[in-house]
Amino acid sequence: MRRVEIMAAQAVQQDILDAFALFEVPAHYTIIPTAHGWGNTTPKLGDAVWPEENFLLIMYCEDHVVQLIERALDLVKKKYDHEGIGFFVL
């Protein structure tokens, strides 16, 4: 069993979920809709200076599902190569 965490701009959230459906990633996750942070791209702080915000998706799954998630995220990253999409597996 693995814990998967994905952090990305709210603007790409639906694209990620659509890619999950395309690769048949089970819809067993929790989304924290608003997360602020400063990573390798523009800050997402939800304020007047940096108004964008991130979301956080957490999922517990088996190893074979992690591979499907990686393929789905690769597809989204090709479309949004300027957006940082954090992907962590514990």
Protein backbone atom coordinates (compact mmCIF):
# COMPACT_ATOMS: atom_id res chain seq x y z
CA MET A 1 0.00 0.00 0.00
CA ARG A 2 1.34 3.41 -1.01
CA ARG A 3 0.40 6.96 -0.11
CA VAL A 4 0.31 9.25 -3.14
CA GLU A 5 0.29 13.05 -2.82
CA ILE A 6 -0.23 15.35 -5.78
CA MET A 7 0.08 19.12 -5.48
CA ALA A 8 -0.79 21.31 -8.45
CA ALA A 9 -2.50 24.52 -9.50
CA GLN A 10 -6.27 24.45 -9.22
CA ALA A 11 -6.34 25.32 -12.93
CA VAL A 12 -5.15 21.80 -13.86
CA GLN A 13 -7.20 19.83 -11.33
CA GLN A 14 -9.92 18.79 -13.77
CA ASP A 15 -7.33 17.80 -16.37
CA ILE A 16 -5.67 15.53 -13.81
CA LEU A 17 -8.99 13.94 -12.87
CA ASP A 18 -9.85 13.48 -16.57
CA ALA A 19 -6.47 11.79 -17.13
CA PHE A 20 -7.16 9.54 -14.13
CA ALA A 21 -10.43 8.47 -15.78
CA LEU A 22 -8.63 7.87 -19.10
CA PHE A 23 -6.07 5.59 -17.42
CA GLU A 24 -8.73 4.03 -15.17
CA VAL A 25 -7.21 5.21 -11.90
CA PRO A 26 -9.74 4.32 -9.20
CA ALA A 27 -11.60 7.33 -7.83
CA HIS A 28 -10.61 6.68 -4.22
CA TYR A 29 -8.94 9.88 -3.08
CA THR A 30 -9.32 12.96 -0.94
CA ILE A 31 -8.91 16.44 -2.37
CA ILE A 32 -8.00 19.37 -0.17
CA PRO A 33 -9.25 22.14 -2.45
CA THR A 34 -7.07 25.03 -1.30
CA ALA A 35 -3.36 24.84 -0.59
CA HIS A 36 -0.89 27.71 -0.65
CA GLY A 37 2.79 27.38 -1.38
CA TRP A 38 5.89 28.47 -3.18
CA GLY A 39 7.66 25.83 -5.24
CA ASN A 40 9.68 25.85 -8.46
CA THR A 41 7.09 27.84 -10.42
CA THR A 42 5.15 30.97 -9.54
CA PRO A 43 3.90 31.22 -5.96
CA LYS A 44 0.31 30.16 -5.31
CA LEU A 45 -0.61 32.17 -2.21
CA GLY A 46 -4.23 33.20 -2.84
CA ASP A 47 -3.55 36.87 -2.12
CA ALA A 48 -3.61 40.11 -4.12
CA VAL A 49 -0.01 39.70 -5.29
CA TRP A 50 -0.04 35.94 -6.02
CA PRO A 51 -3.75 35.10 -6.47
CA GLU A 52 -3.48 31.54 -7.78
CA GLU A 53 -4.01 28.58 -5.46
CA ASN A 54 -3.04 24.92 -5.42
CA PHE A 55 -4.98 21.83 -4.48
CA LEU A 56 -3.73 18.68 -2.77
CA LEU A 57 -4.86 15.17 -3.68
CA ILE A 58 -4.11 12.27 -1.34
CA MET A 59 -4.66 8.64 -2.25
CA TYR A 60 -3.76 5.28 -0.76
CA CYS A 61 -3.35 2.61 -3.42
CA GLU A 62 -1.47 -0.45 -4.60
CA ASP A 63 1.77 -0.28 -6.59
CA HIS A 64 0.11 -0.99 -9.95
CA VAL A 65 -2.16 2.05 -9.46
CA VAL A 66 0.89 4.25 -8.85
CA GLN A 67 2.07 3.33 -12.36
CA LEU A 68 -1.30 4.40 -13.81
CA ILE A 69 -1.09 7.70 -11.92
CA GLU A 70 2.40 8.33 -13.32
CA ARG A 71 1.14 7.79 -16.88
CA ALA A 72 -1.83 10.08 -16.28
CA LEU A 73 0.35 12.84 -14.84
CA ASP A 74 2.84 12.53 -17.72
CA LEU A 75 -0.04 13.27 -20.10
CA VAL A 76 -1.08 16.36 -18.13
CA LYS A 77 2.52 17.57 -17.78
CA LYS A 78 2.92 17.51 -21.57
CA LYS A 79 -0.09 19.81 -21.92
CA TYR A 80 0.96 22.10 -19.06
CA ASP A 81 4.74 22.04 -19.24
CA HIS A 82 4.89 25.46 -17.50
CA GLU A 83 2.97 24.28 -14.42
CA GLY A 84 4.63 22.54 -11.54
CA ILE A 85 2.86 19.32 -10.60
CA GLY A 86 4.23 17.79 -7.43
CA PHE A 87 3.96 14.00 -7.21
CA PHE A 88 5.15 12.12 -4.16
CA VAL A 89 4.85 8.43 -3.31
CA LEU A 90 5.41 7.25 0.25
